[in-house]
Amino acid sequence: MASQPHRPQGQFCHRTRREFFWEAGASFTGLALAGLLDQGFLAGQSRAADGTPFQNPLAAKPPMVAPTAKSVIFLFMYGGPSHVDTFDYKPALYPLDGKTIPVKTKGRGGERSEGRVVGPKWNFQQYGQCGKWVSDLFPNMARHVDDLAFIHSMTADSPIHGSAMLQMNSGKIQSGAPCLGSWVNYGLGSENENLPGFVVMLDPTGGPISGAKNWSSGFMPATYQGTLLRSKGAPILDLAPPDDMPLEAQRQLLDALRDANTAHLLSRGDNTELAARIASYELAWKMQEHAPEAVDLASETEETKRLYGLDNPRTADFGRRCLLARRLVERGVRFVQLYSGGAHNDDNWDAHGDLVKNHEFHAGNTDLPVAALLTDLKRSGLLDSTLVIWGGEFGRQPTAEYAEGTGRDHNSYGFTMWMAGGGIKGGVSVGETDELGSAAITPVHDGRTGFHVKSLHATVLQCLGLDPNRLAYFFGGLDQKLVGVERVEPIHEILA
């Protein structure tokens, strides 16, 4: 192979540095000029190859069906809370504690046909007019049972954290699909032009095992992906401009970036990406002004701060995030997701070793703040338009995972979640697991025993005014849907 000719020092691509920067600069300003013309003289030419006019992808859209809710707060208990120790009362388990019995289980440790029973470690009491049995782990949440709808026979396709979390968030156990919050914003747009439509707040210990895939927009434009919001310090990293940059200079920089991208994408006829890119730039600008106000709790009363447990180090973090969630939906944010638990092992609800230590820690951190959120939403009238979801990626088995100890393995065959708020009946329980809580036994729904994750997603979309079987995004030659290709019914038993 012939050797490459030696370039004189100071040259790039056979040009001097001066020539290279002159040509690059002239090209950049030419793109900006084209963008400026597009906003004026060439405004009518801002169309895709098929003639579709420019549209903001986050513009509010009309619902497909009559909605009963406007926004969602998903309280994600990462790691898998034990349903038989929280909301799924199984009195038959208590006398079986320590006994080895035949029971089919499948979890992280594989398939087994028998196991040593771990009896529930907390007592249950009845609450509310509905007489719902709730574990002593949740004395504050228990006072709200008449507003909650419990789904006791949830099922999922994977007993492994990573894939189970992806399914709970995106409907699929493989990565690459848009998450529920992305589908909601794609289907409805945003009523708020100053804040993201999909916000995620993580646990201080870190993110979940499968990471950013859990708030990704997948094959949709990045406009619809979740935005991480921190409850302490700067709400959004890299949002604040340099301290020494004047406000007008910031605006000019934003305009230049937007105009250059506009011209480039117009030349390709890519209207969809153009709209997404412009919307992202403009949202970033508006967030610099409005996001700090949204997360500033100075205007909240001392009574409200105490209600959420901000005066107690144990509950302060999750309480602050629950209060922020209320402030965000108050300002028109469509979908807010809060994670209780992060990282690995006992940093989340994944109780493989000491069940009591694990669950008392995480329940103690979250019980009062979740109850406060329900109280606050209800007294402000926001609960009528806000759908609240509580649950993890799966539940726990009634038997021990190891030869010693109280730890339980994963259980995707039957577990509990609850919903409340806009369009949901209060004080009801649907579905059932067997007397040990090992698997769902009722109802038969969409051809399956129990309520699959897809049914939960269909219920959320239905409440927001989106037909789960018609909401689609064309990708890979198919009309992709959150609930998949087969028809899925929402959980009608809990719809008001």
Foldseek 3Di string as FASTA:
>chain_A
DDDDDDDPPQDDPNHHPVVVVVVVVVVLVVLLVLLVCCVPVVVCLQFFPVRHHFDQLQPFDDFQFDFQFQAEEEEAQAQFAAQCQWFFPQPVLVVQAQPKDFDWFAAPLGTDGIFHFHGHPFAWFFEDPLRGTGTPLFPLVRNFQQQKEKFWFEFEDHRDRQQLLLCLFQVGSDFQAAGLQLLLSSRGHFPFLQAQQAEEEEDPVAAAPNPQSSQQNGPAPRSSGYAYAYLDDHRHPPLADDPPQDPVNVVVVLSSVLSSVSSVVSVVSNSRVNSSVNSVSSNSSSNNPPVVVLSDCPPPDPVLQVQLPCVPPLQNRVSSLLVSVVSVVVNTRHYYYYYQAHDDDLSGCNFQAANVVSSSSSSSRPSRSVSSSVVVCVVVVNLSHYKYKYTYSFHFFSGHPDPDHNGTGGARQTRMMMMGGRQFRGSHYDWHDPSSSRHTQDDCFPNRRGHYSLLVSCQVCVNNNHRQQPSFDDDPNDGDGSSGNDDHHHPVVTGD
